[in-house]
């Protein structure tokens, strides 16, 4: 990570005057905005009041909504287990 990578964050963070910060996220006009504020009510209603908030999806991750049929995955795991047993890999 380089200093240049943080320029957008520094500009949005506005360390000189944090009271005039403006979020770049908007549910309709900019759903990929990287700067978003949350109200106390939004945070307190989260499971275990976690501050681990995410609204952007990492496109490099697997699409968890479209996984293969569990039977296919189970068969693959069984095959893999058989191979590792034959190779004596534990």
PDB file of N, CA and C in Angstrom:
ATOM      1  N   UNK A   1       0.838  -1.166   0.000  1.00  0.00           N
ATOM      2  CA  UNK A   1       0.000   0.000   0.000  1.00  0.00           C
ATOM      3  C   UNK A   1       0.888   1.235   0.000  1.00  0.00           C
ATOM      4  N   UNK A   2       0.488   2.172  -0.803  1.00  0.00           N
ATOM      5  CA  UNK A   2       1.259   3.415  -0.905  1.00  0.00           C
ATOM      6  C   UNK A   2       0.404   4.595  -0.447  1.00  0.00           C
ATOM      7  N   UNK A   3       1.041   5.703  -0.200  1.00  0.00           N
ATOM      8  CA  UNK A   3       0.342   6.910   0.238  1.00  0.00           C
ATOM      9  C   UNK A   3      -0.736   7.309  -0.769  1.00  0.00           C
ATOM     10  N   UNK A   4      -0.442   7.148  -2.052  1.00  0.00           N
ATOM     11  CA  UNK A   4      -1.411   7.506  -3.104  1.00  0.00           C
ATOM     12  C   UNK A   4      -2.705   6.697  -2.969  1.00  0.00           C
ATOM     13  N   UNK A   5      -2.581   5.474  -2.471  1.00  0.00           N
ATOM     14  CA  UNK A   5      -3.760   4.618  -2.306  1.00  0.00           C
ATOM     15  C   UNK A   5      -4.725   5.163  -1.259  1.00  0.00           C
ATOM     16  N   UNK A   6      -4.242   6.009  -0.403  1.00  0.00           N
ATOM     17  CA  UNK A   6      -5.068   6.540   0.680  1.00  0.00           C
ATOM     18  C   UNK A   6      -5.637   7.931   0.395  1.00  0.00           C
ATOM     19  N   UNK A   7      -5.315   8.507  -0.756  1.00  0.00           N
ATOM     20  CA  UNK A   7      -5.744   9.872  -1.049  1.00  0.00           C
ATOM     21  C   UNK A   7      -7.259  10.049  -1.010  1.00  0.00           C
ATOM     22  N   UNK A   8      -7.999   9.107  -1.576  1.00  0.00           N
ATOM     23  CA  UNK A   8      -9.462   9.198  -1.567  1.00  0.00           C
ATOM     24  C   UNK A   8      -9.980   9.173  -0.131  1.00  0.00           C
ATOM     25  N   UNK A   9      -9.425   8.286   0.681  1.00  0.00           N
ATOM     26  CA  UNK A   9      -9.823   8.204   2.082  1.00  0.00           C
ATOM     27  C   UNK A   9      -9.521   9.505   2.813  1.00  0.00           C
ATOM     28  N   UNK A  10      -8.327  10.044   2.628  1.00  0.00           N
ATOM     29  CA  UNK A  10      -7.927  11.276   3.318  1.00  0.00           C
ATOM     30  C   UNK A  10      -8.844  12.427   2.924  1.00  0.00           C
ATOM     31  N   UNK A  11      -9.164  12.509   1.640  1.00  0.00           N
ATOM     32  CA  UNK A  11     -10.039  13.581   1.169  1.00  0.00           C
ATOM     33  C   UNK A  11     -11.435  13.445   1.773  1.00  0.00           C
ATOM     34  N   UNK A  12     -11.976  12.242   1.783  1.00  0.00           N
ATOM     35  CA  UNK A  12     -13.300  12.021   2.367  1.00  0.00           C
ATOM     36  C   UNK A  12     -13.288  12.189   3.881  1.00  0.00           C
ATOM     37  N   UNK A  13     -12.234  11.755   4.520  1.00  0.00           N
ATOM     38  CA  UNK A  13     -12.117  11.838   5.973  1.00  0.00           C
ATOM     39  C   UNK A  13     -12.077  13.284   6.445  1.00  0.00           C
ATOM     40  N   UNK A  14     -11.500  14.147   5.639  1.00  0.00           N
ATOM     41  CA  UNK A  14     -11.437  15.584   5.911  1.00  0.00           C
ATOM     42  C   UNK A  14     -10.915  15.864   7.316  1.00  0.00           C
ATOM     43  N   UNK A  15      -9.657  15.507   7.582  1.00  0.00           N
ATOM     44  CA  UNK A  15      -9.120  15.655   8.938  1.00  0.00           C
ATOM     45  C   UNK A  15      -9.087  17.105   9.433  1.00  0.00           C
ATOM     46  N   UNK A  16      -9.074  18.076   8.514  1.00  0.00           N
ATOM     47  CA  UNK A  16      -9.033  19.476   8.961  1.00  0.00           C
ATOM     48  C   UNK A  16     -10.366  19.908   9.567  1.00  0.00           C
ATOM     49  N   UNK A  17     -11.466  19.352   9.072  1.00  0.00           N
ATOM     50  CA  UNK A  17     -12.770  19.732   9.602  1.00  0.00           C
ATOM     51  C   UNK A  17     -13.731  18.560   9.457  1.00  0.00           C
ATOM     52  N   UNK A  18     -13.697  17.677  10.413  1.00  0.00           N
ATOM     53  CA  UNK A  18     -14.490  16.459  10.331  1.00  0.00           C
ATOM     54  C   UNK A  18     -15.990  16.714  10.346  1.00  0.00           C
ATOM     55  N   UNK A  19     -16.416  17.918  10.732  1.00  0.00           N
ATOM     56  CA  UNK A  19     -17.840  18.220  10.805  1.00  0.00           C
ATOM     57  C   UNK A  19     -18.449  18.521   9.427  1.00  0.00           C
ATOM     58  N   UNK A  20     -17.615  18.678   8.420  1.00  0.00           N
ATOM     59  CA  UNK A  20     -18.152  18.919   7.080  1.00  0.00           C
ATOM     60  C   UNK A  20     -17.878  17.743   6.141  1.00  0.00           C
ATOM     61  N   UNK A  21     -17.663  16.580   6.723  1.00  0.00           N
ATOM     62  CA  UNK A  21     -17.471  15.378   5.909  1.00  0.00           C
ATOM     63  C   UNK A  21     -18.727  15.103   5.094  1.00  0.00           C
ATOM     64  N   UNK A  22     -18.519  14.611   3.880  1.00  0.00           N
ATOM     65  CA  UNK A  22     -19.650  14.248   3.034  1.00  0.00           C
ATOM     66  C   UNK A  22     -19.462  12.817   2.571  1.00  0.00           C
ATOM     67  N   UNK A  23     -20.502  12.007   2.769  1.00  0.00           N
ATOM     68  CA  UNK A  23     -20.384  10.616   2.343  1.00  0.00           C
ATOM     69  C   UNK A  23     -20.483  10.527   0.825  1.00  0.00           C
ATOM     70  N   UNK A  24     -19.776   9.556   0.273  1.00  0.00           N
ATOM     71  CA  UNK A  24     -19.808   9.352  -1.175  1.00  0.00           C
ATOM     72  C   UNK A  24     -20.780   8.241  -1.546  1.00  0.00           C
ATOM     73  N   UNK A  25     -21.270   7.484  -0.547  1.00  0.00           N
ATOM     74  CA  UNK A  25     -22.203   6.398  -0.787  1.00  0.00           C
ATOM     75  C   UNK A  25     -23.624   6.938  -0.845  1.00  0.00           C
ATOM     76  N   UNK A  26     -24.401   6.405  -1.793  1.00  0.00           N
ATOM     77  CA  UNK A  26     -25.834   6.671  -1.864  1.00  0.00           C
ATOM     78  C   UNK A  26     -26.481   5.420  -2.432  1.00  0.00           C
ATOM     79  N   UNK A  27     -27.560   4.960  -1.799  1.00  0.00           N
ATOM     80  CA  UNK A  27     -28.162   3.682  -2.205  1.00  0.00           C
ATOM     81  C   UNK A  27     -28.601   3.673  -3.666  1.00  0.00           C
ATOM     82  N   UNK A  28     -28.948   4.817  -4.205  1.00  0.00           N
ATOM     83  CA  UNK A  28     -29.416   4.854  -5.595  1.00  0.00           C
ATOM     84  C   UNK A  28     -28.384   5.424  -6.556  1.00  0.00           C
ATOM     85  N   UNK A  29     -27.801   6.573  -6.225  1.00  0.00           N
ATOM     86  CA  UNK A  29     -26.914   7.229  -7.184  1.00  0.00           C
ATOM     87  C   UNK A  29     -25.472   6.740  -7.135  1.00  0.00           C
ATOM     88  N   UNK A  30     -25.031   6.188  -5.993  1.00  0.00           N
ATOM     89  CA  UNK A  30     -23.649   5.714  -5.898  1.00  0.00           C
ATOM     90  C   UNK A  30     -23.534   4.570  -4.890  1.00  0.00           C
ATOM     91  N   UNK A  31     -24.099   3.381  -5.212  1.00  0.00           N
ATOM     92  CA  UNK A  31     -24.061   2.261  -4.256  1.00  0.00           C
ATOM     93  C   UNK A  31     -22.666   1.711  -4.018  1.00  0.00           C
ATOM     94  N   UNK A  32     -21.675   2.115  -4.815  1.00  0.00           N
ATOM     95  CA  UNK A  32     -20.297   1.677  -4.608  1.00  0.00           C
ATOM     96  C   UNK A  32     -19.447   2.757  -3.943  1.00  0.00           C
ATOM     97  N   UNK A  33     -20.095   3.794  -3.429  1.00  0.00           N
ATOM     98  CA  UNK A  33     -19.363   4.852  -2.736  1.00  0.00           C
ATOM     99  C   UNK A  33     -18.602   4.292  -1.547  1.00  0.00           C
ATOM    100  N   UNK A  34     -17.366   4.721  -1.372  1.00  0.00           N
ATOM    101  CA  UNK A  34     -16.497   4.124  -0.362  1.00  0.00           C
ATOM    102  C   UNK A  34     -16.590   4.840   0.986  1.00  0.00           C
ATOM    103  N   UNK A  35     -17.315   5.906   1.090  1.00  0.00           N
ATOM    104  CA  UNK A  35     -17.413   6.619   2.359  1.00  0.00           C
ATOM    105  C   UNK A  35     -18.881   6.701   2.730  1.00  0.00           C
ATOM    106  N   UNK A  36     -19.219   6.100   3.859  1.00  0.00           N
ATOM    107  CA  UNK A  36     -20.613   6.036   4.277  1.00  0.00           C
ATOM    108  C   UNK A  36     -20.725   6.253   5.769  1.00  0.00           C
ATOM    109  N   UNK A  37     -21.754   6.980   6.176  1.00  0.00           N
ATOM    110  CA  UNK A  37     -21.992   7.161   7.606  1.00  0.00           C
ATOM    111  C   UNK A  37     -23.163   6.280   8.023  1.00  0.00           C
ATOM    112  N   UNK A  38     -23.151   5.889   9.290  1.00  0.00           N
ATOM    113  CA  UNK A  38     -24.206   5.084   9.868  1.00  0.00           C
ATOM    114  C   UNK A  38     -24.725   5.794  11.107  1.00  0.00           C
ATOM    115  N   UNK A  39     -26.026   5.743  11.304  1.00  0.00           N
ATOM    116  CA  UNK A  39     -26.601   6.344  12.505  1.00  0.00           C
ATOM    117  C   UNK A  39     -26.420   5.389  13.677  1.00  0.00           C
ATOM    118  N   UNK A  40     -26.556   5.908  14.864  1.00  0.00           N
ATOM    119  CA  UNK A  40     -26.490   5.080  16.058  1.00  0.00           C
ATOM    120  C   UNK A  40     -27.530   3.967  15.982  1.00  0.00           C
ATOM    121  N   UNK A  41     -28.732   4.310  15.535  1.00  0.00           N
ATOM    122  CA  UNK A  41     -29.815   3.335  15.432  1.00  0.00           C
ATOM    123  C   UNK A  41     -29.456   2.203  14.471  1.00  0.00           C
ATOM    124  N   UNK A  42     -28.811   2.541  13.351  1.00  0.00           N
ATOM    125  CA  UNK A  42     -28.407   1.501  12.398  1.00  0.00           C
ATOM    126  C   UNK A  42     -27.381   0.554  13.017  1.00  0.00           C
ATOM    127  N   UNK A  43     -26.467   1.094  13.783  1.00  0.00           N
ATOM    128  CA  UNK A  43     -25.430   0.268  14.398  1.00  0.00           C
ATOM    129  C   UNK A  43     -25.965  -0.582  15.543  1.00  0.00           C
ATOM    130  N   UNK A  44     -26.827  -0.016  16.361  1.00  0.00           N
ATOM    131  CA  UNK A  44     -27.315  -0.729  17.543  1.00  0.00           C
ATOM    132  C   UNK A  44     -28.240  -1.889  17.160  1.00  0.00           C
ATOM    133  N   UNK A  45     -28.861  -1.837  15.993  1.00  0.00           N
ATOM    134  CA  UNK A  45     -29.752  -2.919  15.578  1.00  0.00           C
ATOM    135  C   UNK A  45     -28.998  -4.077  14.932  1.00  0.00           C
ATOM    136  N   UNK A  46     -27.711  -3.900  14.700  1.00  0.00           N
ATOM    137  CA  UNK A  46     -26.904  -4.962  14.093  1.00  0.00           C
ATOM    138  C   UNK A  46     -26.702  -6.098  15.095  1.00  0.00           C
ATOM    139  N   UNK A  47     -26.461  -7.275  14.571  1.00  0.00           N
ATOM    140  CA  UNK A  47     -26.195  -8.432  15.416  1.00  0.00           C
ATOM    141  C   UNK A  47     -24.995  -8.152  16.319  1.00  0.00           C
ATOM    142  N   UNK A  48     -25.193  -8.248  17.611  1.00  0.00           N
ATOM    143  CA  UNK A  48     -24.148  -8.021  18.614  1.00  0.00           C
ATOM    144  C   UNK A  48     -23.562  -6.611  18.527  1.00  0.00           C
ATOM    145  N   UNK A  49     -24.300  -5.689  17.946  1.00  0.00           N
ATOM    146  CA  UNK A  49     -23.870  -4.306  17.791  1.00  0.00           C
ATOM    147  C   UNK A  49     -22.457  -4.227  17.219  1.00  0.00           C
ATOM    148  N   UNK A  50     -22.243  -4.982  16.179  1.00  0.00           N
ATOM    149  CA  UNK A  50     -20.930  -5.034  15.553  1.00  0.00           C
ATOM    150  C   UNK A  50     -20.641  -3.772  14.745  1.00  0.00           C
ATOM    151  N   UNK A  51     -19.418  -3.306  14.853  1.00  0.00           N
ATOM    152  CA  UNK A  51     -18.973  -2.182  14.020  1.00  0.00           C
ATOM    153  C   UNK A  51     -18.305  -2.675  12.740  1.00  0.00           C
ATOM    154  N   UNK A  52     -18.397  -3.944  12.514  1.00  0.00           N
ATOM    155  CA  UNK A  52     -17.846  -4.571  11.316  1.00  0.00           C
ATOM    156  C   UNK A  52     -18.870  -4.407  10.199  1.00  0.00           C
ATOM    157  N   UNK A  53     -18.945  -3.227   9.607  1.00  0.00           N
ATOM    158  CA  UNK A  53     -19.988  -2.920   8.633  1.00  0.00           C
ATOM    159  C   UNK A  53     -19.441  -2.998   7.206  1.00  0.00           C
ATOM    160  N   UNK A  54     -20.205  -3.663   6.368  1.00  0.00           N
ATOM    161  CA  UNK A  54     -19.837  -3.804   4.967  1.00  0.00           C
ATOM    162  C   UNK A  54     -21.048  -3.499   4.111  1.00  0.00           C
ATOM    163  N   UNK A  55     -20.872  -2.746   3.075  1.00  0.00           N
ATOM    164  CA  UNK A  55     -21.957  -2.493   2.141  1.00  0.00           C
ATOM    165  C   UNK A  55     -21.496  -2.721   0.703  1.00  0.00           C
ATOM    166  N   UNK A  56     -20.197  -2.867   0.527  1.00  0.00           N
ATOM    167  CA  UNK A  56     -19.651  -3.137  -0.801  1.00  0.00           C
ATOM    168  C   UNK A  56     -19.348  -4.617  -0.915  1.00  0.00           C
ATOM    169  N   UNK A  57     -19.606  -5.201  -2.068  1.00  0.00           N
ATOM    170  CA  UNK A  57     -19.308  -6.611  -2.276  1.00  0.00           C
ATOM    171  C   UNK A  57     -18.003  -6.737  -3.044  1.00  0.00           C
ATOM    172  N   UNK A  58     -17.160  -7.643  -2.592  1.00  0.00           N
ATOM    173  CA  UNK A  58     -15.901  -7.921  -3.269  1.00  0.00           C
ATOM    174  C   UNK A  58     -16.190  -8.855  -4.430  1.00  0.00           C
ATOM    175  N   UNK A  59     -16.056  -8.343  -5.652  1.00  0.00           N
ATOM    176  CA  UNK A  59     -16.393  -9.134  -6.829  1.00  0.00           C
ATOM    177  C   UNK A  59     -15.450 -10.312  -7.038  1.00  0.00           C
ATOM    178  N   UNK A  60     -14.321 -10.319  -6.336  1.00  0.00           N
ATOM    179  CA  UNK A  60     -13.384 -11.426  -6.494  1.00  0.00           C
ATOM    180  C   UNK A  60     -13.783 -12.640  -5.651  1.00  0.00           C
ATOM    181  N   UNK A  61     -14.752 -12.466  -4.752  1.00  0.00           N
ATOM    182  CA  UNK A  61     -15.192 -13.575  -3.923  1.00  0.00           C
ATOM    183  C   UNK A  61     -16.213 -14.428  -4.658  1.00  0.00           C
ATOM    184  N   UNK A  62     -16.364 -15.650  -4.216  1.00  0.00           N
ATOM    185  CA  UNK A  62     -17.333 -16.566  -4.806  1.00  0.00           C
ATOM    186  C   UNK A  62     -18.738 -16.036  -4.569  1.00  0.00           C
ATOM    187  N   UNK A  63     -19.608 -16.200  -5.559  1.00  0.00           N
ATOM    188  CA  UNK A  63     -21.009 -15.819  -5.427  1.00  0.00           C
ATOM    189  C   UNK A  63     -21.707 -16.862  -4.559  1.00  0.00           C
ATOM    190  N   UNK A  64     -21.885 -16.564  -3.296  1.00  0.00           N
ATOM    191  CA  UNK A  64     -22.440 -17.527  -2.346  1.00  0.00           C
ATOM    192  C   UNK A  64     -23.904 -17.846  -2.603  1.00  0.00           C
ATOM    193  N   UNK A  65     -24.569 -17.024  -3.397  1.00  0.00           N
ATOM    194  CA  UNK A  65     -25.973 -17.282  -3.708  1.00  0.00           C
ATOM    195  C   UNK A  65     -26.131 -18.312  -4.823  1.00  0.00           C
ATOM    196  N   UNK A  66     -25.051 -18.642  -5.514  1.00  0.00           N
ATOM    197  CA  UNK A  66     -25.135 -19.555  -6.650  1.00  0.00           C
ATOM    198  C   UNK A  66     -24.123 -20.683  -6.550  1.00  0.00           C
ATOM    199  N   UNK A  67     -24.053 -21.314  -5.398  1.00  0.00           N
ATOM    200  CA  UNK A  67     -23.133 -22.428  -5.210  1.00  0.00           C
ATOM    201  C   UNK A  67     -23.680 -23.679  -5.885  1.00  0.00           C
ATOM    202  N   UNK A  68     -22.803 -24.627  -6.141  1.00  0.00           N
ATOM    203  CA  UNK A  68     -23.213 -25.902  -6.722  1.00  0.00           C
ATOM    204  C   UNK A  68     -24.109 -26.664  -5.766  1.00  0.00           C
ATOM    205  N   UNK A  69     -24.817 -27.632  -6.315  1.00  0.00           N
ATOM    206  CA  UNK A  69     -25.682 -28.507  -5.524  1.00  0.00           C
ATOM    207  C   UNK A  69     -24.839 -29.187  -4.445  1.00  0.00           C
ATOM    208  N   UNK A  70     -25.320 -29.244  -3.208  1.00  0.00           N
ATOM    209  CA  UNK A  70     -24.553 -29.866  -2.120  1.00  0.00           C
ATOM    210  C   UNK A  70     -24.137 -31.306  -2.417  1.00  0.00           C
ATOM    211  N   UNK A  71     -24.947 -32.047  -3.181  1.00  0.00           N
ATOM    212  CA  UNK A  71     -24.588 -33.422  -3.516  1.00  0.00           C
ATOM    213  C   UNK A  71     -23.339 -33.462  -4.392  1.00  0.00           C
ATOM    214  N   UNK A  72     -23.205 -32.504  -5.282  1.00  0.00           N
ATOM    215  CA  UNK A  72     -22.014 -32.432  -6.140  1.00  0.00           C
ATOM    216  C   UNK A  72     -20.793 -32.110  -5.287  1.00  0.00           C
ATOM    217  N   UNK A  73     -20.955 -31.160  -4.373  1.00  0.00           N
ATOM    218  CA  UNK A  73     -19.845 -30.792  -3.491  1.00  0.00           C
ATOM    219  C   UNK A  73     -19.441 -31.956  -2.594  1.00  0.00           C
ATOM    220  N   UNK A  74     -20.421 -32.683  -2.088  1.00  0.00           N
ATOM    221  CA  UNK A  74     -20.140 -33.834  -1.240  1.00  0.00           C
ATOM    222  C   UNK A  74     -19.397 -34.919  -2.017  1.00  0.00           C
ATOM    223  N   UNK A  75     -19.811 -35.173  -3.258  1.00  0.00           N
ATOM    224  CA  UNK A  75     -19.139 -36.173  -4.094  1.00  0.00           C
ATOM    225  C   UNK A  75     -17.698 -35.746  -4.376  1.00  0.00           C
ATOM    226  N   UNK A  76     -17.495 -34.467  -4.608  1.00  0.00           N
ATOM    227  CA  UNK A  76     -16.145 -33.966  -4.863  1.00  0.00           C
ATOM    228  C   UNK A  76     -15.265 -34.141  -3.632  1.00  0.00           C
ATOM    229  N   UNK A  77     -15.822 -33.841  -2.461  1.00  0.00           N
ATOM    230  CA  UNK A  77     -15.057 -34.007  -1.223  1.00  0.00           C
ATOM    231  C   UNK A  77     -14.727 -35.477  -0.963  1.00  0.00           C
ATOM    232  N   UNK A  78     -15.660 -36.358  -1.259  1.00  0.00           N
ATOM    233  CA  UNK A  78     -15.418 -37.793  -1.086  1.00  0.00           C
ATOM    234  C   UNK A  78     -14.307 -38.252  -2.023  1.00  0.00           C
ATOM    235  N   UNK A  79     -14.349 -37.798  -3.266  1.00  0.00           N
ATOM    236  CA  UNK A  79     -13.299 -38.143  -4.229  1.00  0.00           C
ATOM    237  C   UNK A  79     -11.948 -37.629  -3.761  1.00  0.00           C
ATOM    238  N   UNK A  80     -11.933 -36.406  -3.279  1.00  0.00           N
ATOM    239  CA  UNK A  80     -10.689 -35.821  -2.795  1.00  0.00           C
ATOM    240  C   UNK A  80     -10.159 -36.615  -1.601  1.00  0.00           C
ATOM    241  N   UNK A  81     -11.037 -37.001  -0.698  1.00  0.00           N
ATOM    242  CA  UNK A  81     -10.636 -37.793   0.460  1.00  0.00           C
ATOM    243  C   UNK A  81     -10.035 -39.121   0.020  1.00  0.00           C
ATOM    244  N   UNK A  82     -10.659 -39.778  -0.961  1.00  0.00           N
ATOM    245  CA  UNK A  82     -10.136 -41.046  -1.471  1.00  0.00           C
ATOM    246  C   UNK A  82      -8.735 -40.887  -2.053  1.00  0.00           C
ATOM    247  N   UNK A  83      -8.530 -39.814  -2.790  1.00  0.00           N
ATOM    248  CA  UNK A  83      -7.212 -39.560  -3.383  1.00  0.00           C
ATOM    249  C   UNK A  83      -6.177 -39.328  -2.293  1.00  0.00           C
ATOM    250  N   UNK A  84      -6.517 -38.503  -1.296  1.00  0.00           N
ATOM    251  CA  UNK A  84      -5.545 -38.211  -0.239  1.00  0.00           C
ATOM    252  C   UNK A  84      -5.221 -39.458   0.579  1.00  0.00           C
ATOM    253  N   UNK A  85      -6.207 -40.327   0.764  1.00  0.00           N
ATOM    254  CA  UNK A  85      -5.943 -41.565   1.501  1.00  0.00           C
ATOM    255  C   UNK A  85      -5.005 -42.464   0.720  1.00  0.00           C
ATOM    256  N   UNK A  86      -5.195 -42.567  -0.600  1.00  0.00           N
ATOM    257  CA  UNK A  86      -4.314 -43.378  -1.419  1.00  0.00           C
ATOM    258  C   UNK A  86      -2.892 -42.817  -1.480  1.00  0.00           C
ATOM    259  N   UNK A  87      -2.795 -41.512  -1.374  1.00  0.00           N
ATOM    260  CA  UNK A  87      -1.470 -40.879  -1.394  1.00  0.00           C
ATOM    261  C   UNK A  87      -0.888 -40.745   0.001  1.00  0.00           C
ATOM    262  N   UNK A  88      -1.630 -41.191   0.999  1.00  0.00           N
ATOM    263  CA  UNK A  88      -1.215 -41.112   2.407  1.00  0.00           C
ATOM    264  C   UNK A  88      -0.990 -39.671   2.856  1.00  0.00           C
ATOM    265  N   UNK A  89      -1.877 -38.778   2.409  1.00  0.00           N
ATOM    266  CA  UNK A  89      -1.846 -37.393   2.833  1.00  0.00           C
ATOM    267  C   UNK A  89      -2.935 -37.208   3.876  1.00  0.00           C
ATOM    268  N   UNK A  90      -2.575 -36.731   5.012  1.00  0.00           N
ATOM    269  CA  UNK A  90      -3.576 -36.566   6.083  1.00  0.00           C
ATOM    270  C   UNK A  90      -3.756 -35.128   6.437  1.00  0.00           C
TER     271      UNK A  90
END
